[in-house]
């Protein structure tokens, strides 16, 4: 088999593997503000904040006391 025959199936397999890694998540704050994230936010930092990237690519940092819920998107 040549590289052209193998290239496309390998690219599709890589894309599907990477697509399965993300877990879209909704972070809801006490005031009702919701952030849709690409992945589950990291655990609280030592100073008590959650840090994550929303779907537009903006980095968001919120106080853990202001977070109401973190759940997977339906």
PDB file of N, CA and C in Angstrom:
ATOM      1  N   UNK A   1       0.841  -1.181   0.000  1.00  0.00           N
ATOM      2  CA  UNK A   1       0.000   0.000   0.000  1.00  0.00           C
ATOM      3  C   UNK A   1       0.888   1.246   0.000  1.00  0.00           C
ATOM      4  N   UNK A   2       0.433   2.232  -0.681  1.00  0.00           N
ATOM      5  CA  UNK A   2       1.234   3.446  -0.702  1.00  0.00           C
ATOM      6  C   UNK A   2       0.707   4.459   0.324  1.00  0.00           C
ATOM      7  N   UNK A   3       1.418   5.555   0.483  1.00  0.00           N
ATOM      8  CA  UNK A   3       1.096   6.552   1.512  1.00  0.00           C
ATOM      9  C   UNK A   3      -0.255   7.223   1.258  1.00  0.00           C
ATOM     10  N   UNK A   4      -0.643   7.396  -0.003  1.00  0.00           N
ATOM     11  CA  UNK A   4      -1.927   8.029  -0.314  1.00  0.00           C
ATOM     12  C   UNK A   4      -3.089   7.152   0.129  1.00  0.00           C
ATOM     13  N   UNK A   5      -2.934   5.859  -0.009  1.00  0.00           N
ATOM     14  CA  UNK A   5      -3.992   4.930   0.383  1.00  0.00           C
ATOM     15  C   UNK A   5      -4.150   4.886   1.899  1.00  0.00           C
ATOM     16  N   UNK A   6      -3.056   4.993   2.630  1.00  0.00           N
ATOM     17  CA  UNK A   6      -3.107   4.936   4.085  1.00  0.00           C
ATOM     18  C   UNK A   6      -3.369   6.295   4.730  1.00  0.00           C
ATOM     19  N   UNK A   7      -3.023   7.373   4.067  1.00  0.00           N
ATOM     20  CA  UNK A   7      -3.103   8.709   4.653  1.00  0.00           C
ATOM     21  C   UNK A   7      -4.493   9.108   5.109  1.00  0.00           C
ATOM     22  N   UNK A   8      -5.475   8.962   4.238  1.00  0.00           N
ATOM     23  CA  UNK A   8      -6.827   9.406   4.585  1.00  0.00           C
ATOM     24  C   UNK A   8      -7.430   8.615   5.745  1.00  0.00           C
ATOM     25  N   UNK A   9      -7.384   7.288   5.717  1.00  0.00           N
ATOM     26  CA  UNK A   9      -7.941   6.538   6.861  1.00  0.00           C
ATOM     27  C   UNK A   9      -7.229   6.856   8.178  1.00  0.00           C
ATOM     28  N   UNK A  10      -5.922   7.072   8.129  1.00  0.00           N
ATOM     29  CA  UNK A  10      -5.194   7.422   9.347  1.00  0.00           C
ATOM     30  C   UNK A  10      -5.595   8.801   9.852  1.00  0.00           C
ATOM     31  N   UNK A  11      -5.799   9.744   8.942  1.00  0.00           N
ATOM     32  CA  UNK A  11      -6.231  11.091   9.340  1.00  0.00           C
ATOM     33  C   UNK A  11      -7.617  11.038   9.973  1.00  0.00           C
ATOM     34  N   UNK A  12      -8.516  10.274   9.401  1.00  0.00           N
ATOM     35  CA  UNK A  12      -9.873  10.137   9.958  1.00  0.00           C
ATOM     36  C   UNK A  12      -9.824   9.492  11.337  1.00  0.00           C
ATOM     37  N   UNK A  13      -9.017   8.465  11.494  1.00  0.00           N
ATOM     38  CA  UNK A  13      -8.899   7.788  12.790  1.00  0.00           C
ATOM     39  C   UNK A  13      -8.332   8.726  13.842  1.00  0.00           C
ATOM     40  N   UNK A  14      -7.338   9.527  13.476  1.00  0.00           N
ATOM     41  CA  UNK A  14      -6.749  10.479  14.420  1.00  0.00           C
ATOM     42  C   UNK A  14      -7.770  11.528  14.832  1.00  0.00           C
ATOM     43  N   UNK A  15      -8.536  12.040  13.868  1.00  0.00           N
ATOM     44  CA  UNK A  15      -9.559  13.039  14.177  1.00  0.00           C
ATOM     45  C   UNK A  15     -10.611  12.474  15.127  1.00  0.00           C
ATOM     46  N   UNK A  16     -11.087  11.275  14.857  1.00  0.00           N
ATOM     47  CA  UNK A  16     -12.108  10.673  15.716  1.00  0.00           C
ATOM     48  C   UNK A  16     -11.576  10.397  17.113  1.00  0.00           C
ATOM     49  N   UNK A  17     -10.324  10.033  17.214  1.00  0.00           N
ATOM     50  CA  UNK A  17      -9.716   9.793  18.524  1.00  0.00           C
ATOM     51  C   UNK A  17      -9.644  11.085  19.322  1.00  0.00           C
ATOM     52  N   UNK A  18      -9.201  12.156  18.685  1.00  0.00           N
ATOM     53  CA  UNK A  18      -9.101  13.441  19.377  1.00  0.00           C
ATOM     54  C   UNK A  18     -10.471  14.013  19.712  1.00  0.00           C
ATOM     55  N   UNK A  19     -11.436  13.815  18.859  1.00  0.00           N
ATOM     56  CA  UNK A  19     -12.776  14.324  19.121  1.00  0.00           C
ATOM     57  C   UNK A  19     -13.394  13.647  20.338  1.00  0.00           C
ATOM     58  N   UNK A  20     -13.034  12.420  20.588  1.00  0.00           N
ATOM     59  CA  UNK A  20     -13.570  11.696  21.735  1.00  0.00           C
ATOM     60  C   UNK A  20     -12.953  12.119  23.052  1.00  0.00           C
ATOM     61  N   UNK A  21     -11.875  12.870  23.026  1.00  0.00           N
ATOM     62  CA  UNK A  21     -11.184  13.253  24.247  1.00  0.00           C
ATOM     63  C   UNK A  21     -11.824  14.439  24.959  1.00  0.00           C
ATOM     64  N   UNK A  22     -12.505  15.290  24.218  1.00  0.00           N
ATOM     65  CA  UNK A  22     -13.059  16.476  24.857  1.00  0.00           C
ATOM     66  C   UNK A  22     -14.407  16.160  25.499  1.00  0.00           C
ATOM     67  N   UNK A  23     -14.692  16.854  26.577  1.00  0.00           N
ATOM     68  CA  UNK A  23     -15.947  16.694  27.292  1.00  0.00           C
ATOM     69  C   UNK A  23     -16.577  18.073  27.463  1.00  0.00           C
ATOM     70  N   UNK A  24     -17.451  18.489  26.526  1.00  0.00           N
ATOM     71  CA  UNK A  24     -18.083  19.804  26.669  1.00  0.00           C
ATOM     72  C   UNK A  24     -18.800  19.902  28.017  1.00  0.00           C
ATOM     73  N   UNK A  25     -18.570  20.995  28.716  1.00  0.00           N
ATOM     74  CA  UNK A  25     -19.060  21.167  30.076  1.00  0.00           C
ATOM     75  C   UNK A  25     -19.717  22.527  30.226  1.00  0.00           C
ATOM     76  N   UNK A  26     -20.752  22.593  31.059  1.00  0.00           N
ATOM     77  CA  UNK A  26     -21.407  23.859  31.382  1.00  0.00           C
ATOM     78  C   UNK A  26     -21.054  24.210  32.821  1.00  0.00           C
ATOM     79  N   UNK A  27     -20.462  25.394  33.003  1.00  0.00           N
ATOM     80  CA  UNK A  27     -20.146  25.910  34.332  1.00  0.00           C
ATOM     81  C   UNK A  27     -21.164  27.001  34.633  1.00  0.00           C
ATOM     82  N   UNK A  28     -21.959  26.814  35.680  1.00  0.00           N
ATOM     83  CA  UNK A  28     -22.982  27.784  36.058  1.00  0.00           C
ATOM     84  C   UNK A  28     -22.563  28.477  37.346  1.00  0.00           C
ATOM     85  N   UNK A  29     -22.603  29.808  37.324  1.00  0.00           N
ATOM     86  CA  UNK A  29     -22.252  30.592  38.501  1.00  0.00           C
ATOM     87  C   UNK A  29     -23.482  30.878  39.348  1.00  0.00           C
ATOM     88  N   UNK A  30     -23.273  31.341  40.561  1.00  0.00           N
ATOM     89  CA  UNK A  30     -24.362  31.654  41.483  1.00  0.00           C
ATOM     90  C   UNK A  30     -25.310  32.707  40.905  1.00  0.00           C
ATOM     91  N   UNK A  31     -24.779  33.642  40.078  1.00  0.00           N
ATOM     92  CA  UNK A  31     -25.616  34.712  39.530  1.00  0.00           C
ATOM     93  C   UNK A  31     -26.343  34.294  38.250  1.00  0.00           C
ATOM     94  N   UNK A  32     -26.203  33.027  37.831  1.00  0.00           N
ATOM     95  CA  UNK A  32     -26.901  32.515  36.661  1.00  0.00           C
ATOM     96  C   UNK A  32     -26.073  32.527  35.388  1.00  0.00           C
ATOM     97  N   UNK A  33     -24.918  33.151  35.398  1.00  0.00           N
ATOM     98  CA  UNK A  33     -24.049  33.168  34.226  1.00  0.00           C
ATOM     99  C   UNK A  33     -23.585  31.752  33.920  1.00  0.00           C
ATOM    100  N   UNK A  34     -23.623  31.388  32.640  1.00  0.00           N
ATOM    101  CA  UNK A  34     -23.176  30.057  32.240  1.00  0.00           C
ATOM    102  C   UNK A  34     -22.044  30.172  31.234  1.00  0.00           C
ATOM    103  N   UNK A  35     -21.060  29.311  31.388  1.00  0.00           N
ATOM    104  CA  UNK A  35     -19.937  29.223  30.466  1.00  0.00           C
ATOM    105  C   UNK A  35     -19.944  27.835  29.868  1.00  0.00           C
ATOM    106  N   UNK A  36     -19.835  27.750  28.549  1.00  0.00           N
ATOM    107  CA  UNK A  36     -19.698  26.472  27.871  1.00  0.00           C
ATOM    108  C   UNK A  36     -18.218  26.283  27.588  1.00  0.00           C
ATOM    109  N   UNK A  37     -17.658  25.193  28.096  1.00  0.00           N
ATOM    110  CA  UNK A  37     -16.226  24.935  27.955  1.00  0.00           C
ATOM    111  C   UNK A  37     -15.985  23.760  27.033  1.00  0.00           C
ATOM    112  N   UNK A  38     -14.770  23.688  26.504  1.00  0.00           N
ATOM    113  CA  UNK A  38     -14.395  22.576  25.634  1.00  0.00           C
ATOM    114  C   UNK A  38     -14.158  21.308  26.436  1.00  0.00           C
ATOM    115  N   UNK A  39     -13.581  21.464  27.604  1.00  0.00           N
ATOM    116  CA  UNK A  39     -13.233  20.327  28.459  1.00  0.00           C
ATOM    117  C   UNK A  39     -13.659  20.604  29.894  1.00  0.00           C
ATOM    118  N   UNK A  40     -13.644  19.567  30.694  1.00  0.00           N
ATOM    119  CA  UNK A  40     -13.948  19.710  32.114  1.00  0.00           C
ATOM    120  C   UNK A  40     -12.900  20.639  32.745  1.00  0.00           C
ATOM    121  N   UNK A  41     -13.358  21.657  33.514  1.00  0.00           N
ATOM    122  CA  UNK A  41     -12.393  22.557  34.157  1.00  0.00           C
ATOM    123  C   UNK A  41     -11.465  21.806  35.105  1.00  0.00           C
ATOM    124  N   UNK A  42     -10.270  22.324  35.205  1.00  0.00           N
ATOM    125  CA  UNK A  42      -9.304  21.754  36.140  1.00  0.00           C
ATOM    126  C   UNK A  42      -9.799  22.010  37.556  1.00  0.00           C
ATOM    127  N   UNK A  43      -9.283  21.249  38.487  1.00  0.00           N
ATOM    128  CA  UNK A  43      -9.683  21.431  39.875  1.00  0.00           C
ATOM    129  C   UNK A  43      -9.261  22.811  40.369  1.00  0.00           C
ATOM    130  N   UNK A  44      -9.775  23.165  41.509  1.00  0.00           N
ATOM    131  CA  UNK A  44      -9.477  24.476  42.081  1.00  0.00           C
ATOM    132  C   UNK A  44      -7.972  24.670  42.236  1.00  0.00           C
ATOM    133  N   UNK A  45      -7.549  25.911  41.984  1.00  0.00           N
ATOM    134  CA  UNK A  45      -6.152  26.250  42.227  1.00  0.00           C
ATOM    135  C   UNK A  45      -5.962  26.473  43.720  1.00  0.00           C
ATOM    136  N   UNK A  46      -4.725  26.629  44.135  1.00  0.00           N
ATOM    137  CA  UNK A  46      -4.440  26.817  45.553  1.00  0.00           C
ATOM    138  C   UNK A  46      -5.085  28.075  46.108  1.00  0.00           C
ATOM    139  N   UNK A  47      -5.281  29.086  45.241  1.00  0.00           N
ATOM    140  CA  UNK A  47      -5.892  30.327  45.716  1.00  0.00           C
ATOM    141  C   UNK A  47      -7.419  30.315  45.607  1.00  0.00           C
ATOM    142  N   UNK A  48      -8.029  29.162  45.285  1.00  0.00           N
ATOM    143  CA  UNK A  48      -9.483  29.018  45.328  1.00  0.00           C
ATOM    144  C   UNK A  48     -10.216  29.426  44.064  1.00  0.00           C
ATOM    145  N   UNK A  49      -9.597  29.309  42.903  1.00  0.00           N
ATOM    146  CA  UNK A  49     -10.225  29.669  41.644  1.00  0.00           C
ATOM    147  C   UNK A  49     -10.280  28.473  40.703  1.00  0.00           C
ATOM    148  N   UNK A  50     -11.306  28.456  39.839  1.00  0.00           N
ATOM    149  CA  UNK A  50     -11.361  27.520  38.726  1.00  0.00           C
ATOM    150  C   UNK A  50     -10.845  28.259  37.504  1.00  0.00           C
ATOM    151  N   UNK A  51     -10.027  27.598  36.700  1.00  0.00           N
ATOM    152  CA  UNK A  51      -9.518  28.183  35.472  1.00  0.00           C
ATOM    153  C   UNK A  51      -9.889  27.267  34.319  1.00  0.00           C
ATOM    154  N   UNK A  52     -10.456  27.853  33.245  1.00  0.00           N
ATOM    155  CA  UNK A  52     -10.834  27.062  32.085  1.00  0.00           C
ATOM    156  C   UNK A  52     -10.881  27.959  30.861  1.00  0.00           C
ATOM    157  N   UNK A  53     -11.027  27.324  29.708  1.00  0.00           N
ATOM    158  CA  UNK A  53     -11.142  28.033  28.439  1.00  0.00           C
ATOM    159  C   UNK A  53     -12.540  27.797  27.901  1.00  0.00           C
ATOM    160  N   UNK A  54     -13.258  28.889  27.556  1.00  0.00           N
ATOM    161  CA  UNK A  54     -14.607  28.710  27.024  1.00  0.00           C
ATOM    162  C   UNK A  54     -14.521  28.356  25.541  1.00  0.00           C
ATOM    163  N   UNK A  55     -15.675  28.116  24.910  1.00  0.00           N
ATOM    164  CA  UNK A  55     -15.665  27.632  23.530  1.00  0.00           C
ATOM    165  C   UNK A  55     -15.145  28.665  22.545  1.00  0.00           C
ATOM    166  N   UNK A  56     -15.128  29.934  22.910  1.00  0.00           N
ATOM    167  CA  UNK A  56     -14.581  30.954  22.015  1.00  0.00           C
ATOM    168  C   UNK A  56     -13.070  31.072  22.152  1.00  0.00           C
ATOM    169  N   UNK A  57     -12.485  30.351  23.107  1.00  0.00           N
ATOM    170  CA  UNK A  57     -11.046  30.371  23.294  1.00  0.00           C
ATOM    171  C   UNK A  57     -10.576  31.330  24.379  1.00  0.00           C
ATOM    172  N   UNK A  58     -11.509  32.039  25.012  1.00  0.00           N
ATOM    173  CA  UNK A  58     -11.144  32.986  26.066  1.00  0.00           C
ATOM    174  C   UNK A  58     -10.828  32.234  27.360  1.00  0.00           C
ATOM    175  N   UNK A  59      -9.777  32.634  28.022  1.00  0.00           N
ATOM    176  CA  UNK A  59      -9.431  32.033  29.310  1.00  0.00           C
ATOM    177  C   UNK A  59     -10.278  32.707  30.383  1.00  0.00           C
ATOM    178  N   UNK A  60     -10.909  31.882  31.221  1.00  0.00           N
ATOM    179  CA  UNK A  60     -11.812  32.369  32.260  1.00  0.00           C
ATOM    180  C   UNK A  60     -11.293  31.877  33.603  1.00  0.00           C
ATOM    181  N   UNK A  61     -11.358  32.748  34.582  1.00  0.00           N
ATOM    182  CA  UNK A  61     -10.948  32.402  35.948  1.00  0.00           C
ATOM    183  C   UNK A  61     -12.042  32.902  36.883  1.00  0.00           C
ATOM    184  N   UNK A  62     -12.663  32.000  37.613  1.00  0.00           N
ATOM    185  CA  UNK A  62     -13.749  32.376  38.516  1.00  0.00           C
ATOM    186  C   UNK A  62     -13.474  31.835  39.910  1.00  0.00           C
ATOM    187  N   UNK A  63     -13.933  32.575  40.896  1.00  0.00           N
ATOM    188  CA  UNK A  63     -13.791  32.164  42.289  1.00  0.00           C
ATOM    189  C   UNK A  63     -14.633  30.913  42.513  1.00  0.00           C
ATOM    190  N   UNK A  64     -14.073  29.930  43.166  1.00  0.00           N
ATOM    191  CA  UNK A  64     -14.783  28.669  43.412  1.00  0.00           C
ATOM    192  C   UNK A  64     -16.065  28.895  44.211  1.00  0.00           C
ATOM    193  N   UNK A  65     -16.102  29.909  45.056  1.00  0.00           N
ATOM    194  CA  UNK A  65     -17.308  30.200  45.839  1.00  0.00           C
ATOM    195  C   UNK A  65     -18.448  30.714  44.968  1.00  0.00           C
ATOM    196  N   UNK A  66     -18.123  31.232  43.775  1.00  0.00           N
ATOM    197  CA  UNK A  66     -19.142  31.752  42.866  1.00  0.00           C
ATOM    198  C   UNK A  66     -19.725  30.671  41.954  1.00  0.00           C
ATOM    199  N   UNK A  67     -19.130  29.485  41.942  1.00  0.00           N
ATOM    200  CA  UNK A  67     -19.582  28.408  41.055  1.00  0.00           C
ATOM    201  C   UNK A  67     -20.719  27.642  41.711  1.00  0.00           C
ATOM    202  N   UNK A  68     -21.828  27.541  40.962  1.00  0.00           N
ATOM    203  CA  UNK A  68     -22.983  26.799  41.458  1.00  0.00           C
ATOM    204  C   UNK A  68     -22.890  25.325  41.052  1.00  0.00           C
ATOM    205  N   UNK A  69     -22.716  25.068  39.751  1.00  0.00           N
ATOM    206  CA  UNK A  69     -22.623  23.700  39.255  1.00  0.00           C
ATOM    207  C   UNK A  69     -21.622  23.596  38.113  1.00  0.00           C
ATOM    208  N   UNK A  70     -21.069  22.412  37.967  1.00  0.00           N
ATOM    209  CA  UNK A  70     -20.247  22.047  36.805  1.00  0.00           C
ATOM    210  C   UNK A  70     -20.774  20.713  36.344  1.00  0.00           C
ATOM    211  N   UNK A  71     -21.276  20.676  35.101  1.00  0.00           N
ATOM    212  CA  UNK A  71     -21.875  19.429  34.602  1.00  0.00           C
ATOM    213  C   UNK A  71     -21.549  19.260  33.127  1.00  0.00           C
ATOM    214  N   UNK A  72     -21.573  18.015  32.682  1.00  0.00           N
ATOM    215  CA  UNK A  72     -21.379  17.724  31.264  1.00  0.00           C
ATOM    216  C   UNK A  72     -22.557  18.265  30.476  1.00  0.00           C
ATOM    217  N   UNK A  73     -22.257  18.781  29.284  1.00  0.00           N
ATOM    218  CA  UNK A  73     -23.332  19.301  28.440  1.00  0.00           C
ATOM    219  C   UNK A  73     -24.183  18.141  27.945  1.00  0.00           C
ATOM    220  N   UNK A  74     -25.481  18.355  27.895  1.00  0.00           N
ATOM    221  CA  UNK A  74     -26.412  17.304  27.421  1.00  0.00           C
ATOM    222  C   UNK A  74     -26.359  17.151  25.938  1.00  0.00           C
TER     223      UNK A  74
END
